[in-house]
Amino acid sequence: MTISDFYKWLKQDWAKTGFILSIFLFIFLFIFVRKYDIVVFVLLLQTPLYMLHQTEEYIFPGGFGKFFNTQIFKLDIEDRPLDQNFIFFINVILIWIILPLFGLLSIIDYQYGLWIPYFSFFAGIAHVLLAIRAGKLYNPGLFASLFINIPVGLWSILFLINNGVLNNFFLNFHIIIGLGLNALLPIIGVLLFKNYQKSS
């Protein structure tokens, strides 16, 4: 398999790969990291949990891109402006690279990764807001948001506060980073939408 072939495969099946990878990460984190440093464990745990979120969005039942294009952008077309390229790059870069990278940097200093639970929590809230915005009871990723991202993200933040790692739920810059990254995504979406309108 050439690099080009691998890239095409990954671009097509990244979410399925992420689901399998999440299982291995869970096992690794619980067996090795949890006993080493519980705070690093909590921060790194957000990555495989978010991969389960991606599983609902893009595998079962999937269709988040279609939902956003048709229900949020109100377009007849299903695969643009949120297309396969955008979905692949934003998810892989943010969840597969940035989240675990800063989780690993928290081994050096917890401050590097304290924004991650906030990011996960607000990502879950975002799906609730999308459901309200679209006037739909469900959107791909909502169940994971309600049963994983929001409760685990909230628990993680409270755990960090109770253990003296965070001083306050709201009065810290980590909440700004977590909220800001989530706010950045719809801004990028609007830019994609405007570019699509100009080109069509």
N, C-alpha and C. Protein backbone atom coordinates (compact mmCIF):
# COMPACT_ATOMS: atom_id res chain seq x y z
N MET A 1 0.85 -1.20 0.00
CA MET A 1 0.00 0.00 0.00
C MET A 1 0.89 1.25 0.00
N THR A 2 0.65 2.14 -0.92
CA THR A 2 1.40 3.39 -0.99
C THR A 2 0.84 4.40 0.01
N ILE A 3 1.59 5.48 0.21
CA ILE A 3 1.13 6.53 1.11
C ILE A 3 -0.19 7.12 0.60
N SER A 4 -0.28 7.25 -0.73
CA SER A 4 -1.50 7.78 -1.33
C SER A 4 -2.69 6.85 -1.07
N ASP A 5 -2.44 5.55 -1.20
CA ASP A 5 -3.51 4.59 -0.93
C ASP A 5 -3.94 4.63 0.54
N PHE A 6 -2.95 4.73 1.42
CA PHE A 6 -3.24 4.80 2.86
C PHE A 6 -4.06 6.04 3.18
N TYR A 7 -3.68 7.17 2.57
CA TYR A 7 -4.41 8.41 2.80
C TYR A 7 -5.86 8.30 2.34
N LYS A 8 -6.06 7.71 1.17
CA LYS A 8 -7.43 7.54 0.66
C LYS A 8 -8.25 6.65 1.58
N TRP A 9 -7.59 5.57 2.06
CA TRP A 9 -8.29 4.66 2.97
C TRP A 9 -8.64 5.36 4.27
N LEU A 10 -7.67 6.08 4.84
CA LEU A 10 -7.90 6.76 6.11
C LEU A 10 -8.98 7.82 5.98
N LYS A 11 -8.96 8.52 4.88
CA LYS A 11 -9.95 9.57 4.65
C LYS A 11 -11.36 8.99 4.56
N GLN A 12 -11.47 7.78 4.05
CA GLN A 12 -12.75 7.11 3.91
C GLN A 12 -13.21 6.46 5.22
N ASP A 13 -12.26 5.87 5.94
CA ASP A 13 -12.63 5.04 7.10
C ASP A 13 -12.07 5.54 8.43
N TRP A 14 -11.74 6.81 8.53
CA TRP A 14 -11.13 7.33 9.73
C TRP A 14 -12.02 7.14 10.97
N ALA A 15 -13.33 7.31 10.82
CA ALA A 15 -14.22 7.20 11.97
C ALA A 15 -14.29 5.76 12.48
N LYS A 16 -14.31 4.80 11.55
CA LYS A 16 -14.31 3.39 11.95
C LYS A 16 -12.99 3.05 12.65
N THR A 17 -11.91 3.57 12.11
CA THR A 17 -10.59 3.37 12.72
C THR A 17 -10.57 3.97 14.12
N GLY A 18 -11.18 5.15 14.25
CA GLY A 18 -11.23 5.82 15.55
C GLY A 18 -11.99 5.02 16.58
N PHE A 19 -13.05 4.35 16.17
CA PHE A 19 -13.82 3.52 17.10
C PHE A 19 -12.95 2.38 17.64
N ILE A 20 -12.23 1.71 16.74
CA ILE A 20 -11.35 0.62 17.16
C ILE A 20 -10.22 1.16 18.04
N LEU A 21 -9.67 2.30 17.62
CA LEU A 21 -8.58 2.92 18.38
C LEU A 21 -9.04 3.31 19.78
N SER A 22 -10.28 3.74 19.90
CA SER A 22 -10.79 4.15 21.21
C SER A 22 -10.79 2.98 22.19
N ILE A 23 -11.08 1.78 21.71
CA ILE A 23 -11.08 0.59 22.57
C ILE A 23 -9.68 0.33 23.12
N PHE A 24 -8.68 0.39 22.23
CA PHE A 24 -7.29 0.19 22.65
C PHE A 24 -6.85 1.28 23.62
N LEU A 25 -7.27 2.52 23.37
CA LEU A 25 -6.90 3.62 24.26
C LEU A 25 -7.52 3.45 25.64
N PHE A 26 -8.79 3.02 25.67
CA PHE A 26 -9.44 2.76 26.96
C PHE A 26 -8.65 1.74 27.77
N ILE A 27 -8.30 0.63 27.13
CA ILE A 27 -7.56 -0.43 27.81
C ILE A 27 -6.22 0.09 28.32
N PHE A 28 -5.50 0.80 27.46
CA PHE A 28 -4.18 1.32 27.83
C PHE A 28 -4.29 2.30 28.99
N LEU A 29 -5.25 3.21 28.90
CA LEU A 29 -5.39 4.23 29.94
C LEU A 29 -5.75 3.62 31.29
N PHE A 30 -6.68 2.66 31.27
CA PHE A 30 -7.12 2.06 32.54
C PHE A 30 -6.05 1.17 33.16
N ILE A 31 -5.28 0.49 32.31
CA ILE A 31 -4.27 -0.43 32.84
C ILE A 31 -3.00 0.30 33.27
N PHE A 32 -2.55 1.25 32.46
CA PHE A 32 -1.24 1.85 32.70
C PHE A 32 -1.31 3.28 33.28
N VAL A 33 -2.10 4.15 32.67
CA VAL A 33 -2.05 5.57 33.04
C VAL A 33 -2.79 5.84 34.35
N ARG A 34 -3.90 5.16 34.58
CA ARG A 34 -4.73 5.42 35.76
C ARG A 34 -3.95 5.28 37.06
N LYS A 35 -3.11 4.26 37.16
CA LYS A 35 -2.34 4.05 38.39
C LYS A 35 -1.11 4.95 38.46
N TYR A 36 -0.72 5.49 37.30
CA TYR A 36 0.46 6.36 37.26
C TYR A 36 0.12 7.78 37.71
N ASP A 37 -0.95 8.34 37.12
CA ASP A 37 -1.35 9.71 37.45
C ASP A 37 -2.82 9.87 37.09
N ILE A 38 -3.68 9.97 38.10
CA ILE A 38 -5.12 10.01 37.89
C ILE A 38 -5.56 11.27 37.14
N VAL A 39 -4.86 12.38 37.33
CA VAL A 39 -5.21 13.62 36.63
C VAL A 39 -4.91 13.49 35.14
N VAL A 40 -3.74 12.99 34.80
CA VAL A 40 -3.39 12.76 33.40
C VAL A 40 -4.38 11.76 32.78
N PHE A 41 -4.75 10.75 33.55
CA PHE A 41 -5.74 9.77 33.10
C PHE A 41 -7.05 10.45 32.73
N VAL A 42 -7.54 11.30 33.60
CA VAL A 42 -8.81 12.00 33.35
C VAL A 42 -8.73 12.86 32.10
N LEU A 43 -7.61 13.53 31.91
CA LEU A 43 -7.45 14.41 30.75
C LEU A 43 -7.33 13.61 29.45
N LEU A 44 -6.55 12.54 29.47
CA LEU A 44 -6.38 11.71 28.27
C LEU A 44 -7.64 10.91 27.95
N LEU A 45 -8.44 10.63 28.97
CA LEU A 45 -9.66 9.85 28.77
C LEU A 45 -10.64 10.54 27.82
N GLN A 46 -10.55 11.86 27.75
CA GLN A 46 -11.48 12.62 26.89
C GLN A 46 -11.33 12.25 25.42
N THR A 47 -10.12 11.82 25.01
CA THR A 47 -9.89 11.51 23.60
C THR A 47 -10.67 10.27 23.15
N PRO A 48 -10.51 9.09 23.78
CA PRO A 48 -11.31 7.95 23.33
C PRO A 48 -12.81 8.16 23.52
N LEU A 49 -13.19 8.91 24.55
CA LEU A 49 -14.61 9.21 24.74
C LEU A 49 -15.13 10.03 23.57
N TYR A 50 -14.32 10.98 23.10
CA TYR A 50 -14.77 11.80 21.97
C TYR A 50 -14.79 10.98 20.67
N MET A 51 -13.91 9.97 20.59
CA MET A 51 -13.94 9.08 19.42
C MET A 51 -15.26 8.31 19.36
N LEU A 52 -15.84 7.99 20.52
CA LEU A 52 -17.17 7.38 20.54
C LEU A 52 -18.22 8.37 20.05
N HIS A 53 -18.04 9.62 20.41
CA HIS A 53 -18.90 10.70 19.92
C HIS A 53 -18.84 10.75 18.38
N GLN A 54 -17.63 10.67 17.83
CA GLN A 54 -17.45 10.67 16.37
C GLN A 54 -18.08 9.43 15.74
N THR A 55 -18.07 8.32 16.46
CA THR A 55 -18.69 7.09 15.95
C THR A 55 -20.18 7.31 15.70
N GLU A 56 -20.84 7.95 16.64
CA GLU A 56 -22.27 8.23 16.44
C GLU A 56 -22.48 9.25 15.33
N GLU A 57 -21.60 10.22 15.25
CA GLU A 57 -21.75 11.27 14.23
C GLU A 57 -21.57 10.74 12.81
N TYR A 58 -20.61 9.81 12.62
CA TYR A 58 -20.21 9.47 11.26
C TYR A 58 -20.30 7.99 10.89
N ILE A 59 -20.64 7.11 11.87
CA ILE A 59 -20.78 5.69 11.54
C ILE A 59 -22.20 5.20 11.83
N PHE A 60 -22.55 5.18 13.10
CA PHE A 60 -23.87 4.67 13.49
C PHE A 60 -24.56 5.65 14.42
N PRO A 61 -25.62 6.30 14.00
CA PRO A 61 -26.21 6.19 12.66
C PRO A 61 -25.50 7.01 11.60
N GLY A 62 -24.60 7.92 12.04
CA GLY A 62 -23.86 8.75 11.08
C GLY A 62 -24.72 9.84 10.47
N GLY A 63 -24.14 10.54 9.50
CA GLY A 63 -24.89 11.56 8.78
C GLY A 63 -24.85 12.95 9.37
N PHE A 64 -23.83 13.25 10.19
CA PHE A 64 -23.78 14.59 10.78
C PHE A 64 -23.58 15.67 9.71
N GLY A 65 -22.73 15.38 8.73
CA GLY A 65 -22.53 16.36 7.65
C GLY A 65 -23.82 16.65 6.92
N LYS A 66 -24.56 15.61 6.60
CA LYS A 66 -25.85 15.76 5.94
C LYS A 66 -26.81 16.57 6.81
N PHE A 67 -26.85 16.26 8.09
CA PHE A 67 -27.71 16.99 9.01
C PHE A 67 -27.37 18.48 9.01
N PHE A 68 -26.07 18.80 9.10
CA PHE A 68 -25.67 20.20 9.18
C PHE A 68 -26.00 20.93 7.89
N ASN A 69 -25.76 20.30 6.75
CA ASN A 69 -26.01 20.95 5.47
C ASN A 69 -27.50 21.18 5.21
N THR A 70 -28.31 20.20 5.58
CA THR A 70 -29.75 20.28 5.25
C THR A 70 -30.59 20.92 6.34
N GLN A 71 -30.20 20.71 7.60
CA GLN A 71 -31.03 21.20 8.70
C GLN A 71 -30.55 22.51 9.31
N ILE A 72 -29.25 22.75 9.27
CA ILE A 72 -28.71 23.99 9.82
C ILE A 72 -28.51 25.02 8.72
N PHE A 73 -27.85 24.62 7.63
CA PHE A 73 -27.67 25.53 6.50
C PHE A 73 -28.91 25.62 5.62
N LYS A 74 -29.85 24.68 5.79
CA LYS A 74 -31.12 24.67 5.04
C LYS A 74 -30.90 24.56 3.54
N LEU A 75 -29.98 23.69 3.14
CA LEU A 75 -29.68 23.47 1.72
C LEU A 75 -30.33 22.17 1.25
N ASP A 76 -30.57 22.08 -0.04
CA ASP A 76 -31.11 20.84 -0.62
C ASP A 76 -30.01 19.80 -0.80
N ILE A 77 -28.80 20.26 -0.96
CA ILE A 77 -27.67 19.37 -1.20
C ILE A 77 -27.13 18.84 0.14
N GLU A 78 -26.73 17.57 0.17
CA GLU A 78 -26.38 16.91 1.42
C GLU A 78 -24.89 16.91 1.74
N ASP A 79 -24.04 16.99 0.72
CA ASP A 79 -22.60 16.77 0.94
C ASP A 79 -21.75 18.02 0.79
N ARG A 80 -22.35 19.20 0.82
CA ARG A 80 -21.63 20.47 0.80
C ARG A 80 -22.47 21.52 1.51
N PRO A 81 -21.83 22.54 2.10
CA PRO A 81 -20.40 22.87 2.14
C PRO A 81 -19.59 22.07 3.16
N LEU A 82 -20.27 21.45 4.14
CA LEU A 82 -19.55 20.52 5.02
C LEU A 82 -19.33 19.23 4.25
N ASP A 83 -18.19 19.12 3.64
CA ASP A 83 -17.91 17.96 2.81
C ASP A 83 -16.97 16.99 3.51
N GLN A 84 -16.64 15.91 2.83
CA GLN A 84 -15.79 14.87 3.40
C GLN A 84 -14.42 15.41 3.80
N ASN A 85 -13.86 16.30 2.98
CA ASN A 85 -12.53 16.86 3.28
C ASN A 85 -12.54 17.64 4.59
N PHE A 86 -13.51 18.53 4.74
CA PHE A 86 -13.59 19.36 5.95
C PHE A 86 -13.81 18.49 7.18
N ILE A 87 -14.75 17.55 7.08
CA ILE A 87 -15.06 16.67 8.20
C ILE A 87 -13.84 15.86 8.62
N PHE A 88 -13.12 15.33 7.63
CA PHE A 88 -11.93 14.53 7.92
C PHE A 88 -10.87 15.36 8.62
N PHE A 89 -10.51 16.49 8.04
CA PHE A 89 -9.40 17.27 8.58
C PHE A 89 -9.72 17.87 9.94
N ILE A 90 -10.91 18.41 10.13
CA ILE A 90 -11.23 19.06 11.40
C ILE A 90 -11.28 18.04 12.53
N ASN A 91 -11.82 16.85 12.24
CA ASN A 91 -11.93 15.83 13.28
C ASN A 91 -10.59 15.19 13.61
N VAL A 92 -9.81 14.87 12.60
CA VAL A 92 -8.52 14.23 12.84
C VAL A 92 -7.55 15.19 13.51
N ILE A 93 -7.49 16.42 13.03
CA ILE A 93 -6.56 17.39 13.60
C ILE A 93 -6.93 17.72 15.05
N LEU A 94 -8.22 17.97 15.29
CA LEU A 94 -8.64 18.41 16.61
C LEU A 94 -8.69 17.27 17.63
N ILE A 95 -9.29 16.14 17.23
CA ILE A 95 -9.52 15.06 18.20
C ILE A 95 -8.38 14.05 18.22
N TRP A 96 -7.80 13.75 17.08
CA TRP A 96 -6.74 12.73 17.03
C TRP A 96 -5.36 13.29 17.32
N ILE A 97 -5.18 14.60 17.12
CA ILE A 97 -3.84 15.18 17.30
C ILE A 97 -3.80 16.15 18.48
N ILE A 98 -4.63 17.20 18.43
CA ILE A 98 -4.55 18.25 19.44
C ILE A 98 -4.94 17.75 20.83
N LEU A 99 -6.07 17.04 20.94
CA LEU A 99 -6.51 16.56 22.25
C LEU A 99 -5.47 15.65 22.92
N PRO A 100 -5.02 14.58 22.25
CA PRO A 100 -4.03 13.72 22.91
C PRO A 100 -2.68 14.41 23.11
N LEU A 101 -2.31 15.32 22.21
CA LEU A 101 -1.04 16.03 22.36
C LEU A 101 -1.02 16.84 23.65
N PHE A 102 -2.08 17.61 23.88
CA PHE A 102 -2.12 18.43 25.09
C PHE A 102 -2.39 17.57 26.33
N GLY A 103 -3.07 16.43 26.13
CA GLY A 103 -3.21 15.49 27.23
C GLY A 103 -1.87 14.95 27.65
N LEU A 104 -1.01 14.63 26.68
CA LEU A 104 0.34 14.13 26.99
C LEU A 104 1.22 15.23 27.59
N LEU A 105 1.04 16.46 27.11
CA LEU A 105 1.82 17.57 27.67
C LEU A 105 1.46 17.81 29.14
N SER A 106 0.27 17.36 29.54
CA SER A 106 -0.12 17.53 30.94
C SER A 106 0.72 16.67 31.87
N ILE A 107 1.45 15.70 31.30
CA ILE A 107 2.40 14.93 32.11
C ILE A 107 3.47 15.87 32.66
N ILE A 108 3.84 16.86 31.84
CA ILE A 108 4.84 17.85 32.25
C ILE A 108 4.22 18.86 33.21
N ASP A 109 3.03 19.36 32.82
CA ASP A 109 2.33 20.35 33.63
C ASP A 109 0.83 20.21 33.35
N TYR A 110 0.04 19.99 34.38
CA TYR A 110 -1.41 19.82 34.21
C TYR A 110 -2.05 20.98 33.45
N GLN A 111 -1.47 22.16 33.56
CA GLN A 111 -2.07 23.36 32.95
C GLN A 111 -2.25 23.21 31.43
N TYR A 112 -1.43 22.40 30.79
CA TYR A 112 -1.53 22.24 29.35
C TYR A 112 -2.85 21.58 28.92
N GLY A 113 -3.39 20.73 29.78
CA GLY A 113 -4.55 19.94 29.35
C GLY A 113 -5.84 20.21 30.08
N LEU A 114 -5.87 21.19 30.96
CA LEU A 114 -7.07 21.42 31.77
C LEU A 114 -8.25 21.96 30.97
N TRP A 115 -8.00 22.43 29.76
CA TRP A 115 -9.09 22.91 28.91
C TRP A 115 -9.85 21.76 28.25
N ILE A 116 -9.27 20.56 28.21
CA ILE A 116 -9.84 19.45 27.44
C ILE A 116 -11.21 19.02 27.96
N PRO A 117 -11.40 18.84 29.28
CA PRO A 117 -12.75 18.49 29.75
C PRO A 117 -13.79 19.57 29.43
N TYR A 118 -13.37 20.84 29.48
CA TYR A 118 -14.27 21.92 29.10
C TYR A 118 -14.67 21.80 27.63
N PHE A 119 -13.70 21.48 26.79
CA PHE A 119 -13.98 21.32 25.36
C PHE A 119 -15.01 20.22 25.15
N SER A 120 -14.82 19.09 25.80
CA SER A 120 -15.74 17.96 25.67
C SER A 120 -17.13 18.33 26.18
N PHE A 121 -17.19 19.01 27.31
CA PHE A 121 -18.46 19.42 27.90
C PHE A 121 -19.22 20.35 26.96
N PHE A 122 -18.55 21.38 26.45
CA PHE A 122 -19.21 22.34 25.58
C PHE A 122 -19.55 21.75 24.21
N ALA A 123 -18.76 20.77 23.76
CA ALA A 123 -19.10 20.08 22.51
C ALA A 123 -20.43 19.35 22.66
N GLY A 124 -20.66 18.79 23.84
CA GLY A 124 -21.93 18.14 24.11
C GLY A 124 -23.08 19.15 24.14
N ILE A 125 -22.86 20.27 24.81
CA ILE A 125 -23.87 21.33 24.85
C ILE A 125 -24.21 21.81 23.44
N ALA A 126 -23.19 21.87 22.58
CA ALA A 126 -23.39 22.34 21.20
C ALA A 126 -24.39 21.47 20.46
N HIS A 127 -24.35 20.16 20.69
CA HIS A 127 -25.29 19.27 20.01
C HIS A 127 -26.72 19.49 20.51
N VAL A 128 -26.87 19.82 21.77
CA VAL A 128 -28.20 20.16 22.29
C VAL A 128 -28.72 21.42 21.61
N LEU A 129 -27.84 22.41 21.48
CA LEU A 129 -28.22 23.66 20.82
C LEU A 129 -28.54 23.44 19.34
N LEU A 130 -27.81 22.53 18.69
CA LEU A 130 -28.10 22.21 17.29
C LEU A 130 -29.47 21.57 17.15
N ALA A 131 -29.83 20.72 18.09
CA ALA A 131 -31.15 20.10 18.05
C ALA A 131 -32.25 21.15 18.18
N ILE A 132 -32.02 22.11 19.07
CA ILE A 132 -32.99 23.20 19.25
C ILE A 132 -33.05 24.06 18.00
N ARG A 133 -31.88 24.39 17.44
CA ARG A 133 -31.80 25.24 16.25
C ARG A 133 -32.51 24.59 15.06
N ALA A 134 -32.34 23.28 14.91
CA ALA A 134 -32.95 22.58 13.77
C ALA A 134 -34.40 22.20 14.04
N GLY A 135 -34.83 22.29 15.28
CA GLY A 135 -36.19 21.89 15.62
C GLY A 135 -36.38 20.39 15.52
N LYS A 136 -35.30 19.64 15.79
CA LYS A 136 -35.33 18.18 15.70
C LYS A 136 -35.03 17.58 17.07
N LEU A 137 -35.63 16.42 17.33
CA LEU A 137 -35.37 15.74 18.59
C LEU A 137 -34.00 15.07 18.60
N TYR A 138 -33.45 14.84 17.39
CA TYR A 138 -32.18 14.12 17.32
C TYR A 138 -31.28 14.68 16.23
N ASN A 139 -29.98 14.67 16.51
CA ASN A 139 -28.97 14.89 15.49
C ASN A 139 -27.81 13.96 15.79
N PRO A 140 -27.06 13.51 14.77
CA PRO A 140 -25.98 12.55 15.00
C PRO A 140 -24.91 13.10 15.95
N GLY A 141 -24.76 12.41 17.07
CA GLY A 141 -23.85 12.85 18.12
C GLY A 141 -24.56 13.29 19.38
N LEU A 142 -25.89 13.41 19.32
CA LEU A 142 -26.64 13.92 20.46
C LEU A 142 -26.63 12.94 21.63
N PHE A 143 -26.82 11.65 21.36
CA PHE A 143 -26.84 10.67 22.45
C PHE A 143 -25.49 10.62 23.17
N ALA A 144 -24.40 10.61 22.38
CA ALA A 144 -23.07 10.62 22.98
C ALA A 144 -22.86 11.90 23.79
N SER A 145 -23.42 13.00 23.31
CA SER A 145 -23.31 14.26 24.03
C SER A 145 -24.02 14.19 25.38
N LEU A 146 -25.23 13.63 25.37
CA LEU A 146 -26.05 13.58 26.58
C LEU A 146 -25.53 12.57 27.60
N PHE A 147 -24.98 11.47 27.10
CA PHE A 147 -24.59 10.38 28.01
C PHE A 147 -23.08 10.22 28.21
N ILE A 148 -22.29 10.95 27.39
CA ILE A 148 -20.83 10.86 27.55
C ILE A 148 -20.21 12.24 27.73
N ASN A 149 -20.30 13.08 26.71
CA ASN A 149 -19.57 14.35 26.73
C ASN A 149 -19.98 15.26 27.89
N ILE A 150 -21.27 15.47 28.04
CA ILE A 150 -21.73 16.40 29.08
C ILE A 150 -21.48 15.83 30.48
N PRO A 151 -21.97 14.62 30.79
CA PRO A 151 -21.76 14.13 32.16
C PRO A 151 -20.29 13.85 32.51
N VAL A 152 -19.54 13.23 31.59
CA VAL A 152 -18.14 12.92 31.89
C VAL A 152 -17.30 14.20 31.90
N GLY A 153 -17.59 15.11 30.97
CA GLY A 153 -16.89 16.39 30.97
C GLY A 153 -17.12 17.15 32.26
N LEU A 154 -18.40 17.19 32.70
CA LEU A 154 -18.74 17.88 33.95
C LEU A 154 -18.09 17.19 35.15
N TRP A 155 -18.17 15.86 35.18
CA TRP A 155 -17.54 15.11 36.27
C TRP A 155 -16.04 15.37 36.32
N SER A 156 -15.40 15.39 35.15
CA SER A 156 -13.95 15.60 35.08
C SER A 156 -13.57 16.97 35.65
N ILE A 157 -14.34 18.00 35.28
CA ILE A 157 -14.06 19.35 35.78
C ILE A 157 -14.22 19.40 37.30
N LEU A 158 -15.31 18.80 37.80
CA LEU A 158 -15.55 18.79 39.25
C LEU A 158 -14.49 17.97 39.98
N PHE A 159 -14.04 16.89 39.36
CA PHE A 159 -12.97 16.08 39.93
C PHE A 159 -11.69 16.91 40.07
N LEU A 160 -11.37 17.66 39.03
CA LEU A 160 -10.17 18.50 39.06
C LEU A 160 -10.28 19.59 40.11
N ILE A 161 -11.49 20.13 40.29
CA ILE A 161 -11.70 21.15 41.32
C ILE A 161 -11.56 20.53 42.71
N ASN A 162 -12.19 19.37 42.91
CA ASN A 162 -12.16 18.71 44.23
C ASN A 162 -10.75 18.27 44.62
N ASN A 163 -9.90 18.05 43.62
CA ASN A 163 -8.53 17.64 43.89
C ASN A 163 -7.54 18.80 43.86
N GLY A 164 -8.07 20.02 43.81
CA GLY A 164 -7.23 21.19 43.90
C GLY A 164 -6.44 21.53 42.64
N VAL A 165 -6.77 20.87 41.53
CA VAL A 165 -6.05 21.15 40.28
C VAL A 165 -6.64 22.40 39.62
N LEU A 166 -7.94 22.55 39.72
CA LEU A 166 -8.63 23.77 39.29
C LEU A 166 -9.16 24.47 40.53
N ASN A 167 -9.08 25.79 40.54
CA ASN A 167 -9.55 26.55 41.70
C ASN A 167 -11.03 26.87 41.63
N ASN A 168 -11.55 27.03 40.41
CA ASN A 168 -12.92 27.48 40.25
C ASN A 168 -13.46 26.98 38.93
N PHE A 169 -14.75 26.68 38.87
CA PHE A 169 -15.35 26.17 37.64
C PHE A 169 -15.28 27.19 36.52
N PHE A 170 -15.58 28.44 36.83
CA PHE A 170 -15.70 29.47 35.80
C PHE A 170 -14.50 30.40 35.71
N LEU A 171 -13.90 30.72 36.84
CA LEU A 171 -12.85 31.74 36.86
C LEU A 171 -11.48 31.15 36.56
N ASN A 172 -11.30 30.76 35.31
CA ASN A 172 -10.01 30.29 34.83
C ASN A 172 -9.98 30.41 33.31
N PHE A 173 -8.79 30.43 32.73
CA PHE A 173 -8.69 30.61 31.28
C PHE A 173 -8.91 29.31 30.52
N HIS A 174 -8.95 28.17 31.23
CA HIS A 174 -9.17 26.88 30.57
C HIS A 174 -10.59 26.80 30.00
N ILE A 175 -11.55 27.37 30.72
CA ILE A 175 -12.93 27.37 30.23
C ILE A 175 -13.04 28.22 28.96
N ILE A 176 -12.24 29.27 28.88
CA ILE A 176 -12.24 30.13 27.68
C ILE A 176 -11.72 29.36 26.48
N ILE A 177 -10.67 28.57 26.68
CA ILE A 177 -10.11 27.78 25.58
C ILE A 177 -11.11 26.73 25.12
N GLY A 178 -11.69 25.99 26.07
CA GLY A 178 -12.66 24.95 25.73
C GLY A 178 -13.88 25.51 25.03
N LEU A 179 -14.39 26.61 25.54
CA LEU A 179 -15.56 27.25 24.92
C LEU A 179 -15.17 27.88 23.59
N GLY A 180 -13.99 28.49 23.54
CA GLY A 180 -13.55 29.18 22.33
C GLY A 180 -13.36 28.24 21.15
N LEU A 181 -12.80 27.06 21.41
CA LEU A 181 -12.63 26.09 20.33
C LEU A 181 -13.97 25.63 19.79
N ASN A 182 -14.94 25.45 20.68
CA ASN A 182 -16.27 25.07 20.23
C ASN A 182 -16.96 26.20 19.46
N ALA A 183 -16.71 27.44 19.89
CA ALA A 183 -17.29 28.59 19.19
C ALA A 183 -16.64 28.79 17.83
N LEU A 184 -15.38 28.38 17.71
CA LEU A 184 -14.65 28.54 16.46
C LEU A 184 -15.24 27.66 15.35
N LEU A 185 -15.73 26.50 15.71
CA LEU A 185 -16.24 25.55 14.71
C LEU A 185 -17.44 26.10 13.94
N PRO A 186 -18.47 26.67 14.59
CA PRO A 186 -19.57 27.25 13.81
C PRO A 186 -19.14 28.48 12.99
N ILE A 187 -18.13 29.20 13.50
CA ILE A 187 -17.62 30.34 12.72
C ILE A 187 -17.00 29.85 11.42
N ILE A 188 -16.21 28.77 11.51
CA ILE A 188 -15.64 28.17 10.31
C ILE A 188 -16.74 27.67 9.40
N GLY A 189 -17.79 27.10 10.00
CA GLY A 189 -18.93 26.62 9.22
C GLY A 189 -19.61 27.72 8.45
N VAL A 190 -19.77 28.87 9.08
CA VAL A 190 -20.39 30.03 8.42
C VAL A 190 -19.53 30.49 7.24
N LEU A 191 -18.22 30.50 7.44
CA LEU A 191 -17.29 30.89 6.36
C LEU A 191 -17.40 29.91 5.19
N LEU A 192 -17.50 28.63 5.50
CA LEU A 192 -17.68 27.62 4.44
C LEU A 192 -18.98 27.86 3.70
N PHE A 193 -20.02 28.17 4.45
CA PHE A 193 -21.34 28.41 3.86
C PHE A 193 -21.32 29.62 2.92
N LYS A 194 -20.65 30.69 3.37
CA LYS A 194 -20.58 31.90 2.54
C LYS A 194 -19.75 31.65 1.28
N ASN A 195 -18.66 30.93 1.42
CA ASN A 195 -17.85 30.58 0.24
C ASN A 195 -18.62 29.70 -0.73
N TYR A 196 -19.42 28.81 -0.19
CA TYR A 196 -20.25 27.95 -1.03
C TYR A 196 -21.27 28.78 -1.80
N GLN A 197 -21.89 29.74 -1.10
CA GLN A 197 -22.88 30.60 -1.74
C GLN A 197 -22.25 31.43 -2.87
N LYS A 198 -21.02 31.91 -2.64
CA LYS A 198 -20.34 32.70 -3.66
C LYS A 198 -19.99 31.88 -4.90
N SER A 199 -19.65 30.62 -4.66
CA SER A 199 -19.21 29.78 -5.78
C SER A 199 -20.35 29.09 -6.50
N SER A 200 -21.53 29.15 -5.94
CA SER A 200 -22.66 28.44 -6.57
C SER A 200 -23.56 29.41 -7.34
